[in-house]
Protein backbone atom coordinates (compact mmCIF):
# COMPACT_ATOMS: atom_id res chain seq x y z
CA MET A 1 -49.20 12.41 -13.15
CA ARG A 2 -47.74 9.74 -10.94
CA ARG A 3 -46.42 10.57 -7.51
CA LEU A 4 -44.01 8.05 -6.05
CA PHE A 5 -43.05 10.14 -3.03
CA LYS A 6 -44.98 12.16 -0.46
CA LYS A 7 -44.11 15.60 0.81
CA GLY A 8 -41.56 15.39 3.63
CA GLU A 9 -40.38 11.91 2.67
CA ARG A 10 -36.67 11.06 2.59
CA VAL A 11 -35.33 10.01 -0.82
CA ARG A 12 -31.91 9.07 -2.18
CA SER A 13 -30.49 10.54 -5.38
CA LYS A 14 -29.38 7.98 -7.97
CA ILE A 15 -26.98 10.59 -9.38
CA ASP A 16 -24.71 11.17 -6.37
CA GLY A 17 -26.24 9.15 -3.50
CA LYS A 18 -27.27 12.10 -1.29
CA VAL A 19 -30.25 11.74 1.01
CA MET A 20 -32.79 14.49 0.39
CA GLU A 21 -36.23 15.59 1.58
CA VAL A 22 -39.14 16.08 -0.85
CA LEU A 23 -40.56 19.62 -0.71
CA LYS A 24 -43.11 19.69 -3.56
CA TYR A 25 -43.99 18.40 -7.02
CA PHE A 26 -43.90 20.34 -10.28
CA LYS A 27 -45.34 19.40 -13.68
CA LYS A 28 -43.73 16.69 -15.82
CA ASN A 29 -42.43 14.61 -12.88
CA LEU A 30 -40.11 17.28 -11.45
CA VAL A 31 -39.61 17.17 -7.70
CA GLU A 32 -38.17 19.98 -5.57
CA VAL A 33 -35.84 18.52 -2.94
CA ARG A 34 -33.79 19.91 -0.05
CA TRP A 35 -30.56 18.62 1.49
CA PHE A 36 -27.78 19.80 3.79
CA ASP A 37 -24.48 20.53 2.05
CA MET A 38 -21.63 19.45 4.36
CA GLU A 39 -18.89 21.43 2.58
CA SER A 40 -20.55 24.85 2.69
CA ARG A 41 -22.70 23.99 5.75
CA GLU A 42 -25.96 25.30 4.36
CA VAL A 43 -29.29 23.95 3.15
CA ARG A 44 -29.67 23.65 -0.62
CA THR A 45 -32.76 23.17 -2.79
CA LYS A 46 -32.92 21.76 -6.30
CA SER A 47 -35.43 20.41 -8.81
CA ILE A 48 -34.74 16.84 -9.97
CA LYS A 49 -36.67 14.46 -12.21
CA GLU A 50 -38.59 11.84 -10.28
CA ASP A 51 -36.85 9.03 -12.21
CA LYS A 52 -33.48 10.01 -10.69
CA LEU A 53 -34.71 9.40 -7.12
CA SER A 54 -35.34 6.28 -5.05
CA LYS A 55 -36.66 5.69 -1.53
CA ALA A 56 -34.05 6.06 1.20
CA ALA A 57 -33.43 3.08 3.44
């Protein structure tokens, strides 16, 4: 299993452009990420495939 990102690293979603933080890896290249939702003003978590993420600038 390849790991492009480390835990705690900032990544950008290719889907919607949000900057997220890597929490942990799951099997089959799934990554659990966390971000702050500005509309509802709360922290959200989600599992995204590693291919849909890139390193944040």
